[in-house]
Amino acid sequence: MAEIRKMIAAGDYWPTSPDAPEIELDEDFWRNARIVMPKPTKEAISLRIDHDILAWFRAQGRGYQSRMNAVLRAYVESQRTASDRQR
């Protein structure tokens, strides 16, 4: 198992099923292809938030932490310079 983990970390292991269908990457495939960026990984932290701010987000219902993250992301994106966005 340790060997497989090393291979996965190095990007050298792509498990496939022997009965997986062959996918033809023809012109139609590339014409309809789109770039899909993976979601950034999340990290659990301890964060002090003003009570009224937290109460407001919680009052919006399930997913309030994701909405808080979206607000922070929007702020970060608005502050990034053009050169930061190109990375």
C-alpha atoms as a PDB file:
ATOM      1  CA  MET A   1       0.000   0.000   0.000  1.00  0.00           C
ATOM      2  CA  ALA A   2       2.884   2.369   0.770  1.00  0.00           C
ATOM      3  CA  GLU A   3       4.227   1.776  -2.741  1.00  0.00           C
ATOM      4  CA  ILE A   4       0.867   2.700  -4.288  1.00  0.00           C
ATOM      5  CA  ARG A   5       0.684   5.841  -2.155  1.00  0.00           C
ATOM      6  CA  LYS A   6       4.135   6.872  -3.432  1.00  0.00           C
ATOM      7  CA  MET A   7       3.040   6.234  -7.023  1.00  0.00           C
ATOM      8  CA  ILE A   8      -0.162   8.258  -6.518  1.00  0.00           C
ATOM      9  CA  ALA A   9       1.811  11.144  -4.974  1.00  0.00           C
ATOM     10  CA  ALA A  10       4.193  11.096  -7.950  1.00  0.00           C
ATOM     11  CA  GLY A  11       1.289  11.007 -10.411  1.00  0.00           C
ATOM     12  CA  ASP A  12       2.392   7.629 -11.765  1.00  0.00           C
ATOM     13  CA  TYR A  13      -0.661   5.594 -10.743  1.00  0.00           C
ATOM     14  CA  TRP A  14      -3.949   5.775 -12.592  1.00  0.00           C
ATOM     15  CA  PRO A  15      -6.184   2.884 -11.548  1.00  0.00           C
ATOM     16  CA  THR A  16      -8.583   1.810 -14.282  1.00  0.00           C
ATOM     17  CA  SER A  17     -11.046  -0.988 -14.556  1.00  0.00           C
ATOM     18  CA  PRO A  18     -10.229  -3.637 -17.180  1.00  0.00           C
ATOM     19  CA  ASP A  19     -13.781  -3.303 -18.483  1.00  0.00           C
ATOM     20  CA  ALA A  20     -13.707   0.516 -18.634  1.00  0.00           C
ATOM     21  CA  PRO A  21     -14.914   1.798 -22.014  1.00  0.00           C
ATOM     22  CA  GLU A  22     -12.391   3.182 -24.452  1.00  0.00           C
ATOM     23  CA  ILE A  23     -12.894   6.889 -24.957  1.00  0.00           C
ATOM     24  CA  GLU A  24     -12.037   8.236 -28.370  1.00  0.00           C
ATOM     25  CA  LEU A  25     -10.586  11.718 -28.184  1.00  0.00           C
ATOM     26  CA  ASP A  26     -11.748  12.788 -31.609  1.00  0.00           C
ATOM     27  CA  GLU A  27     -12.429  16.243 -33.001  1.00  0.00           C
ATOM     28  CA  ASP A  28     -15.899  16.383 -31.404  1.00  0.00           C
ATOM     29  CA  PHE A  29     -14.408  15.681 -28.002  1.00  0.00           C
ATOM     30  CA  TRP A  30     -11.955  18.571 -28.272  1.00  0.00           C
ATOM     31  CA  ARG A  31     -14.553  20.925 -29.760  1.00  0.00           C
ATOM     32  CA  ASN A  32     -16.781  20.416 -26.719  1.00  0.00           C
ATOM     33  CA  ALA A  33     -13.997  20.144 -24.136  1.00  0.00           C
ATOM     34  CA  ARG A  34     -13.757  22.696 -21.365  1.00  0.00           C
ATOM     35  CA  ILE A  35     -11.169  23.348 -18.701  1.00  0.00           C
ATOM     36  CA  VAL A  36     -12.216  22.145 -15.257  1.00  0.00           C
ATOM     37  CA  MET A  37     -10.179  23.470 -12.397  1.00  0.00           C
ATOM     38  CA  PRO A  38     -10.158  21.389  -9.215  1.00  0.00           C
ATOM     39  CA  LYS A  39     -11.605  23.036  -6.158  1.00  0.00           C
ATOM     40  CA  PRO A  40      -8.966  24.223  -3.728  1.00  0.00           C
ATOM     41  CA  THR A  41      -8.594  22.010  -0.708  1.00  0.00           C
ATOM     42  CA  LYS A  42     -10.046  23.349   2.485  1.00  0.00           C
ATOM     43  CA  GLU A  43      -8.309  23.597   5.823  1.00  0.00           C
ATOM     44  CA  ALA A  44      -9.979  23.542   9.219  1.00  0.00           C
ATOM     45  CA  ILE A  45      -8.952  26.492  11.364  1.00  0.00           C
ATOM     46  CA  SER A  46     -10.041  28.305  14.489  1.00  0.00           C
ATOM     47  CA  LEU A  47     -11.229  31.809  13.665  1.00  0.00           C
ATOM     48  CA  ARG A  48     -12.667  34.534  15.867  1.00  0.00           C
ATOM     49  CA  ILE A  49     -15.690  36.172  14.240  1.00  0.00           C
ATOM     50  CA  ASP A  50     -17.870  38.933  15.685  1.00  0.00           C
ATOM     51  CA  HIS A  51     -21.001  37.387  17.195  1.00  0.00           C
ATOM     52  CA  ASP A  52     -23.441  39.373  15.044  1.00  0.00           C
ATOM     53  CA  ILE A  53     -21.614  38.450  11.832  1.00  0.00           C
ATOM     54  CA  LEU A  54     -21.613  34.761  12.698  1.00  0.00           C
ATOM     55  CA  ALA A  55     -25.269  34.928  13.763  1.00  0.00           C
ATOM     56  CA  TRP A  56     -26.225  36.515  10.437  1.00  0.00           C
ATOM     57  CA  PHE A  57     -24.462  33.839   8.388  1.00  0.00           C
ATOM     58  CA  ARG A  58     -25.895  31.045  10.538  1.00  0.00           C
ATOM     59  CA  ALA A  59     -29.388  32.496  10.125  1.00  0.00           C
ATOM     60  CA  GLN A  60     -29.041  31.962   6.373  1.00  0.00           C
ATOM     61  CA  GLY A  61     -29.202  28.211   6.991  1.00  0.00           C
ATOM     62  CA  ARG A  62     -27.091  25.224   6.040  1.00  0.00           C
ATOM     63  CA  GLY A  63     -23.864  25.973   4.234  1.00  0.00           C
ATOM     64  CA  TYR A  64     -23.142  29.171   6.126  1.00  0.00           C
ATOM     65  CA  GLN A  65     -19.426  28.326   6.372  1.00  0.00           C
ATOM     66  CA  SER A  66     -19.228  27.845   2.607  1.00  0.00           C
ATOM     67  CA  ARG A  67     -20.943  31.204   2.127  1.00  0.00           C
ATOM     68  CA  MET A  68     -18.454  32.835   4.492  1.00  0.00           C
ATOM     69  CA  ASN A  69     -15.662  31.276   2.446  1.00  0.00           C
ATOM     70  CA  ALA A  70     -17.246  32.610  -0.767  1.00  0.00           C
ATOM     71  CA  VAL A  71     -17.357  36.135   0.668  1.00  0.00           C
ATOM     72  CA  LEU A  72     -13.689  35.905   1.639  1.00  0.00           C
ATOM     73  CA  ARG A  73     -12.801  34.505  -1.792  1.00  0.00           C
ATOM     74  CA  ALA A  74     -14.652  37.363  -3.534  1.00  0.00           C
ATOM     75  CA  TYR A  75     -12.714  39.859  -1.444  1.00  0.00           C
ATOM     76  CA  VAL A  76      -9.377  38.199  -2.220  1.00  0.00           C
ATOM     77  CA  GLU A  77     -10.188  38.087  -5.953  1.00  0.00           C
ATOM     78  CA  SER A  78     -11.108  41.788  -5.914  1.00  0.00           C
ATOM     79  CA  GLN A  79      -7.770  42.641  -4.299  1.00  0.00           C
ATOM     80  CA  ARG A  80      -5.554  40.578  -6.586  1.00  0.00           C
ATOM     81  CA  THR A  81      -3.529  42.400  -9.208  1.00  0.00           C
ATOM     82  CA  ALA A  82      -3.712  41.462 -12.876  1.00  0.00           C
ATOM     83  CA  SER A  83      -0.366  39.621 -12.630  1.00  0.00           C
ATOM     84  CA  ASP A  84      -1.691  37.579  -9.677  1.00  0.00           C
ATOM     85  CA  ARG A  85      -4.752  36.559 -11.729  1.00  0.00           C
ATOM     86  CA  GLN A  86      -2.599  35.219 -14.566  1.00  0.00           C
ATOM     87  CA  ARG A  87      -0.898  32.665 -12.301  1.00  0.00           C
END
